[in-house]
């Protein structure tokens, strides 16, 4: 099994990094965050696995117990949340256009292809270019800065004005920009790219609004080669019973774009290569409970699980209190 990295925090606030391989997990010596470990790897010109080996590990950890105790936090963060960017790409998975097309056809009511279907077909045709070539650019959206990232187990809170709070089970790439502006991929995580699908359905031009929501990452950062095939399960639990459950697929074999193409079209912009910044990039999904007609409720619990990750991502749904924004003239 590939190396997995996790971030641990005790009730008193003491932090550490855990390295897990197979059934063994142990604290990494000398670092308190995965970002600090990555900076050491960049400075020494090595990979994360080599950096862990160089530092060595100490006491072993019972991951299941630490997870149950709420001691496992999001696998990436930044001291200054403004230097952490959450963004993503949609219509990237085979089958991902169907649900989106249904939403937008209801608004367009036309025989011609919707913009979503055109973009999806262009991605199928040109999203996996031959080595060295530039492929078709994908749909792109911005979710917010690091303040929008919710820890595994914590509530995903929709704003008071939201029309919906819906899960999006997918993979997310985690990146750190090196001192010379080089983007370094640290690994990938399970993710819930939480969105407002009712707002999006009303008018596809409101997609940008629907994506300005919180998101959550699974506890484990998978280090090394990107997986070609990931098969997992997304489910919603209401009052202790499974309300909805469906398998989801990800990995490049199940995508219309290559990971490299999605990364290229994000990091081609200079402002996304600012040294020291952290990026979380959501790679998209083809599985939504909203497409199956599910209406979520406050208190529902989203659960996303998939191998080779060993811990699930769970978040209950909450709604924020109204927070009026009043502009004052100076």
Protein backbone atom coordinates (compact mmCIF):
# COMPACT_ATOMS: atom_id res chain seq x y z
CA UNK A 1 0.00 0.00 0.00
CA UNK A 2 1.21 3.52 -0.78
CA UNK A 3 2.32 5.96 1.90
CA UNK A 4 -0.47 7.94 3.56
CA UNK A 5 0.12 11.05 5.64
CA UNK A 6 -2.22 12.45 8.29
CA UNK A 7 -2.23 15.42 10.65
CA UNK A 8 -2.83 14.78 14.36
CA UNK A 9 -3.82 17.30 17.02
CA UNK A 10 -4.38 16.58 20.69
CA UNK A 11 -7.02 18.25 22.86
CA UNK A 12 -4.31 20.58 24.18
CA UNK A 13 -3.42 21.66 20.63
CA UNK A 14 -0.16 19.76 20.19
CA UNK A 15 0.28 18.80 16.55
CA UNK A 16 2.12 16.02 14.75
CA UNK A 17 2.31 14.22 11.42
CA UNK A 18 1.47 10.54 11.09
CA UNK A 19 2.92 8.31 8.37
CA UNK A 20 0.87 5.20 7.56
CA UNK A 21 1.80 2.30 5.31
CA UNK A 22 -0.45 -0.71 5.29
CA UNK A 23 -1.65 -1.38 8.84
CA UNK A 24 1.26 0.42 10.51
CA UNK A 25 1.03 4.08 11.48
CA UNK A 26 3.56 6.10 13.47
CA UNK A 27 4.39 9.70 14.32
CA UNK A 28 7.01 11.37 12.11
CA UNK A 29 9.90 12.89 14.06
CA UNK A 30 10.55 16.61 13.99
CA UNK A 31 7.56 18.06 12.08
CA UNK A 32 4.19 19.35 13.24
CA UNK A 33 2.45 19.67 9.85
CA UNK A 34 2.44 18.10 6.42
CA UNK A 35 3.21 21.52 4.93
CA UNK A 36 6.36 21.74 7.07
CA UNK A 37 7.32 18.23 5.94
CA UNK A 38 6.78 19.23 2.31
CA UNK A 39 8.94 22.33 2.72
CA UNK A 40 11.74 20.13 4.06
CA UNK A 41 11.37 17.80 1.07
CA UNK A 42 11.49 20.70 -1.39
CA UNK A 43 14.55 22.19 0.33
CA UNK A 44 16.41 18.88 0.25
CA UNK A 45 15.33 18.01 -3.29
CA UNK A 46 13.66 14.76 -2.23
CA UNK A 47 10.12 13.37 -2.21
CA UNK A 48 7.81 13.15 0.78
CA UNK A 49 8.50 9.45 1.34
CA UNK A 50 12.25 10.13 1.42
CA UNK A 51 11.71 13.06 3.78
CA UNK A 52 9.77 10.80 6.17
CA UNK A 53 12.53 8.17 5.96
CA UNK A 54 15.20 10.79 6.68
CA UNK A 55 13.38 12.10 9.75
CA UNK A 56 12.34 8.67 10.97
CA UNK A 57 9.25 7.72 12.94
CA UNK A 58 8.56 7.24 16.63
CA UNK A 59 5.59 5.95 18.57
CA UNK A 60 2.99 3.96 16.70
CA UNK A 61 -0.60 5.23 16.44
CA UNK A 62 -3.96 3.48 16.49
CA UNK A 63 -5.49 5.38 13.57
CA UNK A 64 -9.02 4.17 14.17
CA UNK A 65 -8.89 5.26 17.82
CA UNK A 66 -7.35 8.65 17.00
CA UNK A 67 -9.96 9.19 14.29
CA UNK A 68 -12.82 8.26 16.62
CA UNK A 69 -11.44 10.65 19.25
CA UNK A 70 -11.51 13.55 16.78
CA UNK A 71 -7.72 13.93 16.84
CA UNK A 72 -7.25 13.62 13.07
CA UNK A 73 -7.63 16.99 11.36
CA UNK A 74 -7.60 17.99 7.68
CA UNK A 75 -4.43 16.72 5.97
CA UNK A 76 -3.37 20.19 4.83
CA UNK A 77 -3.66 23.73 6.17
CA UNK A 78 -1.78 27.03 6.22
CA UNK A 79 -0.94 29.44 9.04
CA UNK A 80 -2.60 32.16 6.95
CA UNK A 81 -5.83 30.89 5.36
CA UNK A 82 -5.63 33.63 2.71
CA UNK A 83 -2.65 31.75 1.25
CA UNK A 84 -4.66 28.58 0.70
CA UNK A 85 -6.80 28.43 -2.45
CA UNK A 86 -9.71 26.04 -2.98
CA UNK A 87 -10.74 25.55 -6.61
CA UNK A 88 -11.85 22.79 -8.92
CA UNK A 89 -12.94 21.51 -12.28
CA UNK A 90 -16.25 20.03 -13.37
CA UNK A 91 -17.46 17.87 -16.25
CA UNK A 92 -14.24 15.89 -15.97
CA UNK A 93 -15.63 12.38 -15.43
CA UNK A 94 -17.25 10.03 -17.89
CA UNK A 95 -20.96 10.33 -17.19
CA UNK A 96 -20.59 13.63 -15.35
CA UNK A 97 -22.45 15.60 -18.01
CA UNK A 98 -25.75 13.75 -17.65
CA UNK A 99 -26.94 15.33 -14.40
CA UNK A 100 -25.63 18.78 -15.34
CA UNK A 101 -27.25 18.57 -18.77
CA UNK A 102 -30.63 17.73 -17.24
CA UNK A 103 -30.44 20.79 -15.02
CA UNK A 104 -29.47 23.15 -17.80
CA UNK A 105 -31.83 21.76 -20.43
CA UNK A 106 -34.73 22.60 -18.14
CA UNK A 107 -33.63 26.22 -18.32
CA UNK A 108 -32.62 26.25 -21.99
CA UNK A 109 -35.50 24.13 -23.36
CA UNK A 110 -33.76 23.92 -26.73
CA UNK A 111 -32.81 21.16 -29.15
CA UNK A 112 -29.24 22.38 -29.46
CA UNK A 113 -26.54 21.09 -27.14
CA UNK A 114 -26.26 22.90 -23.82
CA UNK A 115 -22.98 24.62 -23.05
CA UNK A 116 -22.35 21.93 -20.45
CA UNK A 117 -22.70 19.11 -22.95
CA UNK A 118 -20.52 20.93 -25.47
CA UNK A 119 -17.82 21.41 -22.84
CA UNK A 120 -18.05 17.78 -21.78
CA UNK A 121 -17.75 16.53 -25.38
CA UNK A 122 -14.78 18.81 -25.99
CA UNK A 123 -13.14 17.35 -22.89
CA UNK A 124 -13.75 13.78 -24.08
CA UNK A 125 -12.17 14.69 -27.43
CA UNK A 126 -9.21 16.69 -26.13
CA UNK A 127 -8.87 16.26 -22.38
CA UNK A 128 -6.13 13.62 -22.54
CA UNK A 129 -3.55 15.01 -24.97
CA UNK A 130 -0.50 13.12 -26.13
CA UNK A 131 2.69 13.76 -24.20
CA UNK A 132 3.77 17.38 -24.27
CA UNK A 133 0.67 18.72 -26.05
CA UNK A 134 -1.80 21.14 -24.47
CA UNK A 135 -5.25 19.64 -24.10
CA UNK A 136 -8.73 21.12 -23.98
CA UNK A 137 -9.20 23.43 -21.02
CA UNK A 138 -11.88 22.31 -18.56
CA UNK A 139 -14.58 24.14 -16.70
CA UNK A 140 -13.00 25.83 -13.67
CA UNK A 141 -14.47 27.28 -10.50
CA UNK A 142 -13.29 28.98 -7.32
CA UNK A 143 -14.53 27.84 -3.89
CA UNK A 144 -12.71 30.17 -1.54
CA UNK A 145 -9.64 30.32 0.65
CA UNK A 146 -8.52 28.08 3.51
CA UNK A 147 -11.24 29.40 5.81
CA UNK A 148 -13.72 27.36 3.72
CA UNK A 149 -12.03 24.04 4.54
CA UNK A 150 -13.87 21.94 7.13
CA UNK A 151 -12.18 19.21 9.17
CA UNK A 152 -13.27 15.59 8.73
CA UNK A 153 -16.19 15.00 11.09
CA UNK A 154 -17.08 18.68 11.41
CA UNK A 155 -20.35 20.10 10.01
CA UNK A 156 -20.56 21.34 6.45
CA UNK A 157 -22.49 24.55 6.96
CA UNK A 158 -24.56 26.00 4.14
CA UNK A 159 -25.24 29.75 4.32
CA UNK A 160 -28.63 30.91 5.56
CA UNK A 161 -29.48 32.03 2.01
CA UNK A 162 -28.54 28.71 0.38
CA UNK A 163 -31.21 26.82 -1.55
CA UNK A 164 -29.52 23.43 -1.05
CA UNK A 165 -26.56 21.71 0.54
CA UNK A 166 -25.43 18.74 -1.51
CA UNK A 167 -22.45 16.42 -1.47
CA UNK A 168 -19.96 15.86 -4.30
CA UNK A 169 -17.75 12.80 -3.65
CA UNK A 170 -14.44 13.11 -5.43
CA UNK A 171 -10.66 13.28 -5.27
CA UNK A 172 -8.73 16.46 -4.55
CA UNK A 173 -5.12 17.21 -5.37
CA UNK A 174 -3.01 18.99 -2.71
CA UNK A 175 -0.23 21.32 -3.91
CA UNK A 176 2.44 23.56 -2.40
CA UNK A 177 4.13 26.26 -4.46
CA UNK A 178 7.90 26.12 -4.07
CA UNK A 179 10.24 29.11 -3.61
CA UNK A 180 10.83 29.39 -7.37
CA UNK A 181 7.11 29.20 -8.26
CA UNK A 182 7.08 25.46 -9.05
CA UNK A 183 3.83 23.71 -8.06
CA UNK A 184 4.58 20.52 -6.11
CA UNK A 185 1.83 17.92 -5.81
CA UNK A 186 1.92 16.47 -2.30
CA UNK A 187 -0.74 13.85 -3.02
CA UNK A 188 -4.48 13.36 -3.24
CA UNK A 189 -7.30 13.07 -0.72
CA UNK A 190 -10.89 11.99 -0.62
CA UNK A 191 -13.06 15.09 -0.74
CA UNK A 192 -16.59 16.39 -0.41
CA UNK A 193 -16.84 19.37 -2.77
CA UNK A 194 -20.01 20.65 -1.14
CA UNK A 195 -22.27 22.70 -3.47
CA UNK A 196 -25.70 24.31 -3.90
CA UNK A 197 -27.26 22.38 -6.79
CA UNK A 198 -30.66 24.09 -6.60
CA UNK A 199 -29.02 27.47 -7.19
CA UNK A 200 -27.02 26.03 -10.09
CA UNK A 201 -30.10 24.41 -11.62
CA UNK A 202 -31.95 27.72 -11.71
CA UNK A 203 -29.41 29.18 -14.14
CA UNK A 204 -26.06 27.70 -15.13
CA UNK A 205 -24.57 31.21 -14.98
CA UNK A 206 -25.05 30.91 -11.22
CA UNK A 207 -22.56 28.03 -11.08
CA UNK A 208 -19.98 30.42 -9.61
CA UNK A 209 -22.39 31.32 -6.79
CA UNK A 210 -23.27 27.68 -6.14
CA UNK A 211 -19.61 26.76 -5.62
CA UNK A 212 -18.84 29.43 -3.00
CA UNK A 213 -19.41 26.97 -0.21
CA UNK A 214 -17.37 25.05 2.34
CA UNK A 215 -15.64 21.78 1.49
CA UNK A 216 -14.06 18.92 3.42
CA UNK A 217 -11.09 16.64 2.86
CA UNK A 218 -10.69 13.04 3.96
CA UNK A 219 -8.17 12.40 6.75
CA UNK A 220 -5.49 10.77 4.59
CA UNK A 221 -3.13 12.27 2.02
CA UNK A 222 -2.15 9.54 -0.45
CA UNK A 223 1.44 10.11 -1.57
CA UNK A 224 3.00 8.91 -4.82
CA UNK A 225 1.63 7.94 -8.22
CA UNK A 226 -1.91 9.07 -8.98
CA UNK A 227 -4.40 6.19 -9.12
CA UNK A 228 -5.84 5.09 -12.43
CA UNK A 229 -8.99 3.69 -10.86
CA UNK A 230 -10.70 4.56 -7.57
CA UNK A 231 -14.00 2.97 -6.66
CA UNK A 232 -15.86 4.06 -3.56
CA UNK A 233 -19.25 4.64 -2.00
CA UNK A 234 -21.12 7.83 -1.28
CA UNK A 235 -24.04 7.70 1.11
CA UNK A 236 -26.34 9.92 3.16
CA UNK A 237 -27.38 8.85 6.64
CA UNK A 238 -30.52 10.34 8.20
CA UNK A 239 -31.54 9.55 11.78
CA UNK A 240 -29.11 6.63 11.84
CA UNK A 241 -30.50 5.00 8.67
CA UNK A 242 -29.04 5.05 5.16
CA UNK A 243 -31.23 7.39 3.10
CA UNK A 244 -29.27 7.06 -0.15
CA UNK A 245 -26.22 5.11 -1.25
CA UNK A 246 -24.40 4.87 -4.56
CA UNK A 247 -20.96 3.85 -5.81
CA UNK A 248 -18.72 6.46 -7.39
CA UNK A 249 -15.73 6.16 -9.67
CA UNK A 250 -12.68 8.36 -10.09
CA UNK A 251 -9.11 8.05 -11.25
CA UNK A 252 -7.88 8.81 -14.74
CA UNK A 253 -9.41 5.68 -16.33
CA UNK A 254 -12.83 7.04 -15.40
CA UNK A 255 -12.16 10.63 -16.46
CA UNK A 256 -12.43 12.60 -19.67
CA UNK A 257 -9.40 14.69 -18.70
CA UNK A 258 -5.99 13.60 -17.51
CA UNK A 259 -4.79 14.84 -14.14
CA UNK A 260 -1.86 16.49 -15.92
CA UNK A 261 -4.20 18.44 -18.19
CA UNK A 262 -6.30 19.68 -15.26
CA UNK A 263 -3.15 20.69 -13.38
CA UNK A 264 -1.73 22.49 -16.42
CA UNK A 265 -4.82 24.62 -16.94
CA UNK A 266 -4.92 25.63 -13.27
CA UNK A 267 -1.25 26.44 -12.77
CA UNK A 268 -0.76 28.14 -16.15
CA UNK A 269 -1.89 31.32 -14.40
CA UNK A 270 0.90 33.28 -12.71
CA UNK A 271 -1.25 34.20 -9.71
CA UNK A 272 -1.60 30.49 -8.86
CA UNK A 273 2.18 30.04 -8.65
CA UNK A 274 2.88 32.37 -5.75
CA UNK A 275 5.65 30.87 -3.57
CA UNK A 276 4.40 29.43 -0.30
CA UNK A 277 0.75 29.14 -1.28
CA UNK A 278 -1.22 25.93 -0.81
CA UNK A 279 -3.77 24.80 -3.41
CA UNK A 280 -6.59 22.28 -3.03
CA UNK A 281 -7.95 21.30 -6.44
CA UNK A 282 -11.16 19.27 -6.67
CA UNK A 283 -11.10 16.96 -9.70
CA UNK A 284 -14.87 16.46 -10.14
CA UNK A 285 -17.41 13.65 -9.90
CA UNK A 286 -20.22 11.93 -11.79
CA UNK A 287 -22.23 10.91 -8.70
CA UNK A 288 -24.69 13.20 -6.93
CA UNK A 289 -27.65 12.40 -4.70
CA UNK A 290 -29.27 15.55 -6.12
CA UNK A 291 -29.42 13.90 -9.56
CA UNK A 292 -31.37 11.06 -7.93
CA UNK A 293 -33.94 13.49 -6.52
CA UNK A 294 -32.69 13.49 -2.94
CA UNK A 295 -33.44 16.61 -0.90
CA UNK A 296 -30.96 16.90 1.95
CA UNK A 297 -31.93 18.12 5.42
CA UNK A 298 -30.03 19.66 8.30
CA UNK A 299 -28.64 16.79 10.37
CA UNK A 300 -28.04 14.47 7.43
CA UNK A 301 -24.56 12.94 7.47
CA UNK A 302 -22.54 12.66 4.27
CA UNK A 303 -20.17 9.68 4.18
CA UNK A 304 -17.58 9.08 1.46
CA UNK A 305 -15.29 6.05 1.50
CA UNK A 306 -12.95 4.51 -1.06
CA UNK A 307 -9.85 2.32 -1.19
CA UNK A 308 -6.89 2.77 -0.98
CA UNK A 309 -7.95 5.25 1.72
CA UNK A 310 -8.64 3.43 4.96
CA UNK A 311 -10.66 6.08 6.81
CA UNK A 312 -13.98 7.52 5.59
CA UNK A 313 -14.90 11.18 5.28
CA UNK A 314 -18.01 12.04 7.29
CA UNK A 315 -19.64 15.44 7.73
CA UNK A 316 -23.09 16.37 9.04
CA UNK A 317 -25.10 19.06 7.24
CA UNK A 318 -25.81 22.32 9.07
CA UNK A 319 -27.25 25.72 8.17
CA UNK A 320 -25.71 28.99 9.31
CA UNK A 321 -27.63 31.76 11.02
CA UNK A 322 -28.39 34.80 8.82
CA UNK A 323 -25.48 37.23 8.67
CA UNK A 324 -26.67 40.42 6.92
CA UNK A 325 -23.95 42.24 5.04
CA UNK A 326 -24.55 45.98 5.23
CA UNK A 327 -22.30 48.29 3.25
CA UNK A 328 -21.49 51.63 4.84
CA UNK A 329 -20.23 54.65 2.96
CA UNK A 330 -17.14 56.40 4.30
